[in-house]
């Protein structure tokens, strides 16, 4: 693995580890704070644009929901853009785990990296 791949994965993990902690802690406002103001967000419901939609989506998720992700592919699209393609297991307290594919595009701002595009697909 070359250093640019390692750097890109580290950038993505930095954002996604905070995302996972906020999802696992059922903290929708904290999840939303990891997104850009104009982020395109597509969970398993109709898409939204912006942090409010992200917060509302995660507020509607059941208590006890946890997310475990595995990085599948990464690409550095530009100095300030990184793409991650992941497999995510969403676990629930009262139903089987749901495995989805997740593509995220993270963008660097002055104060750090933020998710600017989030798209889940469920194949199967």
Protein backbone atom coordinates (compact mmCIF):
# COMPACT_ATOMS: atom_id res chain seq x y z
CA UNK A 1 0.00 0.00 0.00
CA UNK A 2 1.53 3.32 -1.01
CA UNK A 3 1.63 6.33 1.27
CA UNK A 4 -1.13 8.21 -0.61
CA UNK A 5 -3.49 5.26 -0.10
CA UNK A 6 -2.52 5.12 3.57
CA UNK A 7 -3.03 8.88 3.95
CA UNK A 8 -6.42 8.75 2.21
CA UNK A 9 -7.57 5.88 4.40
CA UNK A 10 -6.39 7.74 7.53
CA UNK A 11 -8.39 10.82 6.49
CA UNK A 12 -11.51 8.74 5.92
CA UNK A 13 -11.08 6.81 9.17
CA UNK A 14 -10.69 10.09 11.05
CA UNK A 15 -14.15 11.19 9.89
CA UNK A 16 -15.81 7.77 9.93
CA UNK A 17 -14.62 6.83 13.41
CA UNK A 18 -16.31 10.01 14.71
CA UNK A 19 -19.41 9.18 12.64
CA UNK A 20 -19.52 5.66 14.13
CA UNK A 21 -19.14 6.97 17.70
CA UNK A 22 -21.98 9.45 17.18
CA UNK A 23 -24.24 6.83 15.55
CA UNK A 24 -23.49 4.30 18.31
CA UNK A 25 -24.18 6.97 20.94
CA UNK A 26 -27.50 7.96 19.30
CA UNK A 27 -26.34 11.57 18.97
CA UNK A 28 -28.00 12.83 15.77
CA UNK A 29 -26.79 16.43 16.10
CA UNK A 30 -23.22 15.21 16.55
CA UNK A 31 -23.58 12.99 13.48
CA UNK A 32 -24.87 15.97 11.49
CA UNK A 33 -21.94 18.13 12.59
CA UNK A 34 -19.63 15.81 10.63
CA UNK A 35 -21.32 16.80 7.36
CA UNK A 36 -20.93 19.94 5.26
CA UNK A 37 -23.76 22.49 5.37
CA UNK A 38 -24.78 21.46 1.85
CA UNK A 39 -24.10 17.71 2.07
CA UNK A 40 -26.15 15.36 -0.08
CA UNK A 41 -27.33 12.56 2.20
CA UNK A 42 -28.94 9.33 1.01
CA UNK A 43 -29.69 6.77 3.70
CA UNK A 44 -32.35 4.12 3.16
CA UNK A 45 -35.05 6.83 2.99
CA UNK A 46 -35.51 9.73 0.54
CA UNK A 47 -32.45 11.90 0.22
CA UNK A 48 -31.90 15.24 1.92
CA UNK A 49 -29.51 18.15 1.57
CA UNK A 50 -27.82 19.71 4.58
CA UNK A 51 -27.19 18.94 8.22
CA UNK A 52 -30.83 19.21 9.33
CA UNK A 53 -31.80 16.26 7.13
CA UNK A 54 -28.90 14.19 8.49
CA UNK A 55 -29.87 14.97 12.10
CA UNK A 56 -33.53 14.15 11.43
CA UNK A 57 -32.59 10.85 9.77
CA UNK A 58 -30.42 9.71 12.67
CA UNK A 59 -32.93 10.96 15.26
CA UNK A 60 -35.45 8.58 13.68
CA UNK A 61 -33.16 5.57 14.11
CA UNK A 62 -33.84 3.18 17.00
CA UNK A 63 -31.90 3.34 20.25
CA UNK A 64 -29.24 0.66 20.32
CA UNK A 65 -28.36 1.01 16.62
CA UNK A 66 -24.63 0.55 16.06
CA UNK A 67 -22.48 0.79 12.94
CA UNK A 68 -19.38 -1.23 12.13
CA UNK A 69 -17.62 -0.39 8.89
CA UNK A 70 -14.94 -1.95 6.75
CA UNK A 71 -13.07 0.07 4.15
CA UNK A 72 -13.34 -1.60 0.73
CA UNK A 73 -11.78 1.02 -1.59
CA UNK A 74 -10.38 4.53 -1.25
CA UNK A 75 -9.45 7.17 -3.79
CA UNK A 76 -7.88 10.59 -3.37
CA UNK A 77 -9.71 12.67 -5.97
CA UNK A 78 -7.92 15.94 -5.18
CA UNK A 79 -5.88 17.41 -2.32
CA UNK A 80 -9.12 18.36 -0.55
CA UNK A 81 -11.37 15.43 -1.62
CA UNK A 82 -11.29 11.76 -0.64
CA UNK A 83 -13.69 9.00 -1.64
CA UNK A 84 -14.43 5.95 0.46
CA UNK A 85 -16.41 2.86 -0.47
CA UNK A 86 -17.33 0.78 2.57
CA UNK A 87 -19.28 -2.17 3.81
CA UNK A 88 -21.29 -1.23 6.90
CA UNK A 89 -23.09 -3.53 9.33
CA UNK A 90 -25.89 -1.71 11.12
CA UNK A 91 -26.84 -3.76 14.19
CA UNK A 92 -30.10 -3.45 16.09
CA UNK A 93 -31.32 -4.70 19.45
CA UNK A 94 -34.49 -6.26 18.06
CA UNK A 95 -33.82 -7.41 14.48
CA UNK A 96 -31.09 -8.89 12.29
CA UNK A 97 -28.02 -6.89 11.30
CA UNK A 98 -28.39 -4.97 8.04
CA UNK A 99 -25.33 -4.91 5.79
CA UNK A 100 -25.14 -2.07 3.28
CA UNK A 101 -22.66 -0.52 0.90
CA UNK A 102 -21.75 3.08 1.66
CA UNK A 103 -19.98 5.61 -0.54
CA UNK A 104 -18.75 8.79 1.13
CA UNK A 105 -17.02 11.81 -0.27
CA UNK A 106 -15.17 13.85 2.33
CA UNK A 107 -13.98 17.39 1.75
CA UNK A 108 -11.36 19.37 3.61
CA UNK A 109 -12.42 22.71 5.09
CA UNK A 110 -10.29 25.14 7.09
CA UNK A 111 -11.07 23.32 10.34
CA UNK A 112 -11.01 19.69 9.22
CA UNK A 113 -12.62 17.07 6.99
CA UNK A 114 -16.40 16.77 6.51
CA UNK A 115 -18.72 14.42 4.65
CA UNK A 116 -20.14 16.20 1.62
CA UNK A 117 -21.84 13.19 -0.02
CA UNK A 118 -23.17 10.03 1.66
CA UNK A 119 -24.97 7.30 -0.26
CA UNK A 120 -26.13 3.95 1.04
CA UNK A 121 -27.15 1.07 -1.20
CA UNK A 122 -28.68 -2.17 -0.04
CA UNK A 123 -28.15 -4.96 -2.52
CA UNK A 124 -30.32 -7.90 -1.74
